[in-house]
Each structure stands twice: as C-alpha cells, then as structure tokens.
Amino acid sequence: MILKLLLTNDRYGYEIAKTIYQNSGGDYELKEATMYSSLKRLEKEGDITSYWGDETQGGRRKYYKITDKGKQTYLTNKENWEVAKRILEELL
C-alpha cells in the first residue's frame, strides 16, 4: 500500500496513514508504529528514500520517495497478490 501511494508523489508519514484510511472508506487504519516500522524497513531495503521538507510553519516533515528498486518491488508484489487473490476466489 505504501509503495503504491508513493508511485504518484512523495508523501510524509501522517499523509500516508490518512490516505490509506480514506481510500479504504475508513475500513483500514494503518497504525503509526506499523507504518513507521514499514517505512524504516522499506528504506533499509532501498525501496524508498527520505528527505526533510522545507515547511515554513510548524514542524519539519520527513517525506518519503519511491526508488526505481521500489517501483520494481511494487510490481512484483502486485503480481504476487493478484495470483493469491485469484486462488482465494477460486477456493472460496
């Protein structure tokens, strides 16, 4: 989910969580601890990079950007999920 959101533009943590919640119609809430541990793992694996924004008001925000490796990871994961979804639909 995180990589898919970052395909369109760079985002900061709260924005990622808020967008996932809104896009799910309120059915899924990505907990802060889960999100930040996922972001840390994705960054360590080279799928995303981060940088500090230049906000003039309030606290600085850390933005996340998908890398070329992250785009490939997203496509691979999407293919795997589509296979799993197809199998589950056949079995249920």
N, C-alpha and C. Protein backbone atom coordinates (compact mmCIF):
# COMPACT_ATOMS: atom_id res chain seq x y z
N MET A 1 0.83 -1.20 0.00
CA MET A 1 0.00 0.00 0.00
C MET A 1 0.87 1.25 0.00
N ILE A 2 1.90 1.23 0.82
CA ILE A 2 2.77 2.41 0.92
C ILE A 2 3.46 2.68 -0.41
N LEU A 3 4.02 1.63 -1.01
CA LEU A 3 4.71 1.82 -2.28
C LEU A 3 3.76 2.33 -3.36
N LYS A 4 2.54 1.82 -3.37
CA LYS A 4 1.56 2.28 -4.38
C LYS A 4 1.29 3.77 -4.22
N LEU A 5 1.13 4.23 -3.00
CA LEU A 5 0.88 5.66 -2.76
C LEU A 5 2.07 6.51 -3.20
N LEU A 6 3.26 6.00 -3.00
CA LEU A 6 4.46 6.77 -3.35
C LEU A 6 4.74 6.78 -4.85
N LEU A 7 4.03 5.95 -5.61
CA LEU A 7 4.19 5.97 -7.07
C LEU A 7 3.73 7.31 -7.65
N THR A 8 2.73 7.91 -7.04
CA THR A 8 2.16 9.15 -7.59
C THR A 8 2.90 10.40 -7.15
N ASN A 9 3.31 10.45 -5.89
CA ASN A 9 4.09 11.59 -5.40
C ASN A 9 4.70 11.29 -4.04
N ASP A 10 5.67 12.09 -3.65
CA ASP A 10 6.31 11.95 -2.34
C ASP A 10 5.28 12.30 -1.27
N ARG A 11 5.38 11.62 -0.13
CA ARG A 11 4.42 11.87 0.96
C ARG A 11 5.13 11.77 2.31
N TYR A 12 4.53 12.41 3.31
CA TYR A 12 5.04 12.30 4.67
C TYR A 12 4.19 11.30 5.43
N GLY A 13 4.68 10.86 6.58
CA GLY A 13 4.06 9.76 7.32
C GLY A 13 2.58 9.91 7.58
N TYR A 14 2.17 11.00 8.20
CA TYR A 14 0.76 11.18 8.53
C TYR A 14 -0.10 11.18 7.28
N GLU A 15 0.41 11.77 6.21
CA GLU A 15 -0.33 11.81 4.95
C GLU A 15 -0.55 10.39 4.40
N ILE A 16 0.44 9.53 4.54
CA ILE A 16 0.32 8.15 4.09
C ILE A 16 -0.79 7.45 4.87
N ALA A 17 -0.74 7.54 6.19
CA ALA A 17 -1.74 6.88 7.03
C ALA A 17 -3.14 7.42 6.74
N LYS A 18 -3.26 8.72 6.61
CA LYS A 18 -4.56 9.36 6.35
C LYS A 18 -5.12 8.92 4.99
N THR A 19 -4.27 8.87 3.98
CA THR A 19 -4.72 8.48 2.64
C THR A 19 -5.17 7.03 2.61
N ILE A 20 -4.45 6.15 3.28
CA ILE A 20 -4.86 4.74 3.35
C ILE A 20 -6.21 4.62 4.03
N TYR A 21 -6.40 5.34 5.12
CA TYR A 21 -7.67 5.30 5.85
C TYR A 21 -8.80 5.80 4.95
N GLN A 22 -8.59 6.91 4.28
CA GLN A 22 -9.62 7.48 3.40
C GLN A 22 -9.91 6.57 2.21
N ASN A 23 -8.87 6.04 1.59
CA ASN A 23 -9.05 5.19 0.41
C ASN A 23 -9.74 3.87 0.74
N SER A 24 -9.66 3.45 1.99
CA SER A 24 -10.32 2.21 2.40
C SER A 24 -11.75 2.47 2.89
N GLY A 25 -12.19 3.70 2.78
CA GLY A 25 -13.52 4.05 3.27
C GLY A 25 -13.62 3.97 4.78
N GLY A 26 -12.48 4.08 5.44
CA GLY A 26 -12.45 4.02 6.90
C GLY A 26 -12.39 2.60 7.44
N ASP A 27 -12.27 1.61 6.56
CA ASP A 27 -12.25 0.21 6.99
C ASP A 27 -10.88 -0.25 7.47
N TYR A 28 -9.82 0.45 7.08
CA TYR A 28 -8.48 0.04 7.47
C TYR A 28 -7.70 1.24 7.97
N GLU A 29 -7.17 1.10 9.17
CA GLU A 29 -6.35 2.16 9.75
C GLU A 29 -4.94 1.62 9.97
N LEU A 30 -3.99 2.21 9.27
CA LEU A 30 -2.59 1.81 9.43
C LEU A 30 -2.06 2.47 10.70
N LYS A 31 -1.76 1.66 11.69
CA LYS A 31 -1.27 2.19 12.97
C LYS A 31 0.09 2.86 12.78
N GLU A 32 0.31 3.90 13.54
CA GLU A 32 1.54 4.69 13.41
C GLU A 32 2.80 3.83 13.57
N ALA A 33 2.82 2.99 14.59
CA ALA A 33 4.00 2.16 14.84
C ALA A 33 4.26 1.21 13.67
N THR A 34 3.20 0.62 13.14
CA THR A 34 3.32 -0.29 12.00
C THR A 34 3.83 0.45 10.78
N MET A 35 3.28 1.63 10.54
CA MET A 35 3.67 2.41 9.37
C MET A 35 5.14 2.80 9.43
N TYR A 36 5.58 3.34 10.57
CA TYR A 36 6.96 3.80 10.65
C TYR A 36 7.96 2.64 10.63
N SER A 37 7.58 1.49 11.17
CA SER A 37 8.49 0.34 11.06
C SER A 37 8.54 -0.14 9.61
N SER A 38 7.42 -0.07 8.90
CA SER A 38 7.41 -0.43 7.48
C SER A 38 8.25 0.55 6.66
N LEU A 39 8.11 1.84 6.94
CA LEU A 39 8.90 2.85 6.23
C LEU A 39 10.39 2.64 6.47
N LYS A 40 10.74 2.34 7.71
CA LYS A 40 12.15 2.10 8.05
C LYS A 40 12.69 0.89 7.29
N ARG A 41 11.89 -0.19 7.24
CA ARG A 41 12.31 -1.40 6.53
C ARG A 41 12.44 -1.13 5.03
N LEU A 42 11.44 -0.45 4.45
CA LEU A 42 11.48 -0.13 3.02
C LEU A 42 12.70 0.72 2.67
N GLU A 43 13.03 1.65 3.57
CA GLU A 43 14.20 2.50 3.33
C GLU A 43 15.50 1.68 3.43
N LYS A 44 15.56 0.82 4.43
CA LYS A 44 16.75 -0.03 4.61
C LYS A 44 16.96 -0.95 3.41
N GLU A 45 15.85 -1.43 2.83
CA GLU A 45 15.93 -2.34 1.68
C GLU A 45 16.14 -1.60 0.36
N GLY A 46 16.13 -0.27 0.40
CA GLY A 46 16.39 0.51 -0.80
C GLY A 46 15.17 0.76 -1.68
N ASP A 47 13.98 0.46 -1.15
CA ASP A 47 12.75 0.68 -1.93
C ASP A 47 12.27 2.13 -1.87
N ILE A 48 12.65 2.83 -0.82
CA ILE A 48 12.30 4.25 -0.68
C ILE A 48 13.50 5.01 -0.14
N THR A 49 13.47 6.32 -0.30
CA THR A 49 14.43 7.21 0.34
C THR A 49 13.62 8.26 1.08
N SER A 50 14.27 9.01 1.94
CA SER A 50 13.56 10.05 2.69
C SER A 50 14.36 11.34 2.68
N TYR A 51 13.65 12.43 2.90
CA TYR A 51 14.29 13.74 2.99
C TYR A 51 13.39 14.64 3.84
N TRP A 52 13.99 15.67 4.41
CA TRP A 52 13.23 16.62 5.23
C TRP A 52 12.67 17.73 4.36
N GLY A 53 11.40 18.04 4.56
CA GLY A 53 10.76 19.11 3.82
C GLY A 53 11.19 20.48 4.32
N ASP A 54 10.81 21.50 3.59
CA ASP A 54 11.18 22.88 3.92
C ASP A 54 9.98 23.69 4.39
N GLU A 55 9.16 23.11 5.25
CA GLU A 55 7.98 23.82 5.75
C GLU A 55 8.39 25.09 6.48
N THR A 56 7.63 26.14 6.27
CA THR A 56 7.93 27.41 6.94
C THR A 56 7.14 27.55 8.23
N GLN A 57 6.07 26.79 8.37
CA GLN A 57 5.26 26.85 9.59
C GLN A 57 5.17 25.46 10.20
N GLY A 58 5.19 25.40 11.53
CA GLY A 58 5.09 24.11 12.21
C GLY A 58 6.37 23.30 12.11
N GLY A 59 6.26 22.04 12.50
CA GLY A 59 7.43 21.16 12.48
C GLY A 59 7.79 20.70 11.09
N ARG A 60 9.05 20.36 10.92
CA ARG A 60 9.50 19.85 9.63
C ARG A 60 8.95 18.44 9.43
N ARG A 61 8.63 18.14 8.19
CA ARG A 61 8.09 16.83 7.85
C ARG A 61 9.14 16.02 7.10
N LYS A 62 9.17 14.73 7.41
CA LYS A 62 10.05 13.82 6.69
C LYS A 62 9.24 13.20 5.55
N TYR A 63 9.69 13.42 4.34
CA TYR A 63 9.00 12.92 3.15
C TYR A 63 9.67 11.64 2.66
N TYR A 64 8.85 10.79 2.07
CA TYR A 64 9.34 9.52 1.54
C TYR A 64 9.12 9.49 0.03
N LYS A 65 10.11 8.96 -0.67
CA LYS A 65 10.10 8.92 -2.14
C LYS A 65 10.44 7.50 -2.59
N ILE A 66 9.69 6.97 -3.54
CA ILE A 66 9.95 5.62 -4.04
C ILE A 66 11.17 5.66 -4.98
N THR A 67 11.96 4.61 -4.93
CA THR A 67 13.13 4.48 -5.81
C THR A 67 12.76 3.58 -7.00
N ASP A 68 13.67 3.48 -7.95
CA ASP A 68 13.45 2.57 -9.08
C ASP A 68 13.31 1.13 -8.58
N LYS A 69 14.11 0.77 -7.58
CA LYS A 69 14.00 -0.57 -6.99
C LYS A 69 12.64 -0.75 -6.35
N GLY A 70 12.15 0.29 -5.67
CA GLY A 70 10.84 0.23 -5.04
C GLY A 70 9.72 0.06 -6.05
N LYS A 71 9.85 0.68 -7.21
CA LYS A 71 8.85 0.52 -8.27
C LYS A 71 8.81 -0.92 -8.74
N GLN A 72 9.97 -1.53 -8.88
CA GLN A 72 10.02 -2.94 -9.28
C GLN A 72 9.46 -3.83 -8.18
N THR A 73 9.79 -3.53 -6.93
CA THR A 73 9.26 -4.29 -5.80
C THR A 73 7.74 -4.22 -5.80
N TYR A 74 7.19 -3.03 -6.03
CA TYR A 74 5.74 -2.86 -6.07
C TYR A 74 5.12 -3.74 -7.15
N LEU A 75 5.69 -3.71 -8.35
CA LEU A 75 5.14 -4.50 -9.46
C LEU A 75 5.19 -6.00 -9.15
N THR A 76 6.29 -6.46 -8.57
CA THR A 76 6.42 -7.87 -8.19
C THR A 76 5.40 -8.24 -7.13
N ASN A 77 5.28 -7.41 -6.10
CA ASN A 77 4.31 -7.68 -5.03
C ASN A 77 2.88 -7.69 -5.57
N LYS A 78 2.59 -6.76 -6.47
CA LYS A 78 1.24 -6.67 -7.05
C LYS A 78 0.91 -7.95 -7.82
N GLU A 79 1.86 -8.44 -8.61
CA GLU A 79 1.65 -9.69 -9.35
C GLU A 79 1.40 -10.85 -8.39
N ASN A 80 2.18 -10.92 -7.31
CA ASN A 80 2.01 -11.99 -6.33
C ASN A 80 0.65 -11.91 -5.65
N TRP A 81 0.19 -10.70 -5.31
CA TRP A 81 -1.12 -10.53 -4.68
C TRP A 81 -2.24 -10.90 -5.64
N GLU A 82 -2.08 -10.58 -6.92
CA GLU A 82 -3.11 -10.92 -7.91
C GLU A 82 -3.25 -12.44 -8.04
N VAL A 83 -2.13 -13.16 -8.00
CA VAL A 83 -2.18 -14.62 -8.04
C VAL A 83 -2.86 -15.15 -6.79
N ALA A 84 -2.47 -14.64 -5.63
CA ALA A 84 -3.07 -15.09 -4.37
C ALA A 84 -4.57 -14.79 -4.35
N LYS A 85 -4.95 -13.62 -4.82
CA LYS A 85 -6.37 -13.24 -4.87
C LYS A 85 -7.15 -14.19 -5.77
N ARG A 86 -6.60 -14.49 -6.93
CA ARG A 86 -7.27 -15.40 -7.87
C ARG A 86 -7.46 -16.78 -7.25
N ILE A 87 -6.43 -17.28 -6.59
CA ILE A 87 -6.52 -18.60 -5.95
C ILE A 87 -7.58 -18.59 -4.85
N LEU A 88 -7.58 -17.56 -4.02
CA LEU A 88 -8.57 -17.48 -2.95
C LEU A 88 -9.99 -17.39 -3.50
N GLU A 89 -10.17 -16.63 -4.57
CA GLU A 89 -11.50 -16.52 -5.16
C GLU A 89 -11.99 -17.87 -5.68
N GLU A 90 -11.08 -18.66 -6.22
CA GLU A 90 -11.45 -19.99 -6.71
C GLU A 90 -11.78 -20.94 -5.58
N LEU A 91 -11.10 -20.78 -4.46
CA LEU A 91 -11.30 -21.69 -3.33
C LEU A 91 -12.49 -21.32 -2.46
N LEU A 92 -12.87 -20.06 -2.45
CA LEU A 92 -13.95 -19.64 -1.55
C LEU A 92 -15.28 -19.67 -2.20
